[in-house]
Amino acid sequence: MINLYLESNEFTGSVPSALCCTTSLEYLYIETNSYIDCYADCLSTVPNLNANPPYSCSTITSIPTAAPTAAATSTDIGLCGFIAATNIESIFSQWSCDSSGVTTTDPCDPTWLGISCSGSEPSGIDVAGEGLRGSIPSTFGSLAAMNTLHLQSNCLTGWGIALSCML
């Protein structure tokens, strides 16, 4: 992950220290949320991070998620978890999964609005300001090719995201 845009949502608690386990994160935008603490202490150790100076912060745990089915790919697990945890399917009907947790069409098909791909894997999601509600599930961390997330200006809550897997 190089760019992470999460500002103007409804996150509470503390920024996860998992953000500090990366050497590739360059931009972190988390303003206009309701944090108890603003930054994890260790953010100053992230070599390429362009963020405000770190402040004291504690770790927050992940949201529990259901176990994926054996037929689901890591892309299915990440996207279907996000679809299940938010209202995105009511906004973009092509964002859809079947009952076994497999995307119903190829997310790299141009009809999946808000997805950009590198080859056959999603590498970016831009759903900023789309009226999303819900939380970011830990399964989102299985999107290994993800470089940029634009989730700002929505009503998202929870730091369930497995950032350490994505960073």
Foldseek 3Di string as FASTA:
>chain_A
DAAEAAAAAAAEEWDAPLVLLDQRHAEDHHYHYHYPAYADQNVVVRVRYDDDHHDHTDHDEADDDDDADPPEDLQLQQQLVVVVFKVVCVQQVQSDDDPRSHRPDQCCPVSNPQFHDDPRATAEGACEQSAMEGERACSNLSSQNHDYYHHHNYHYYDPNHVVNSRD
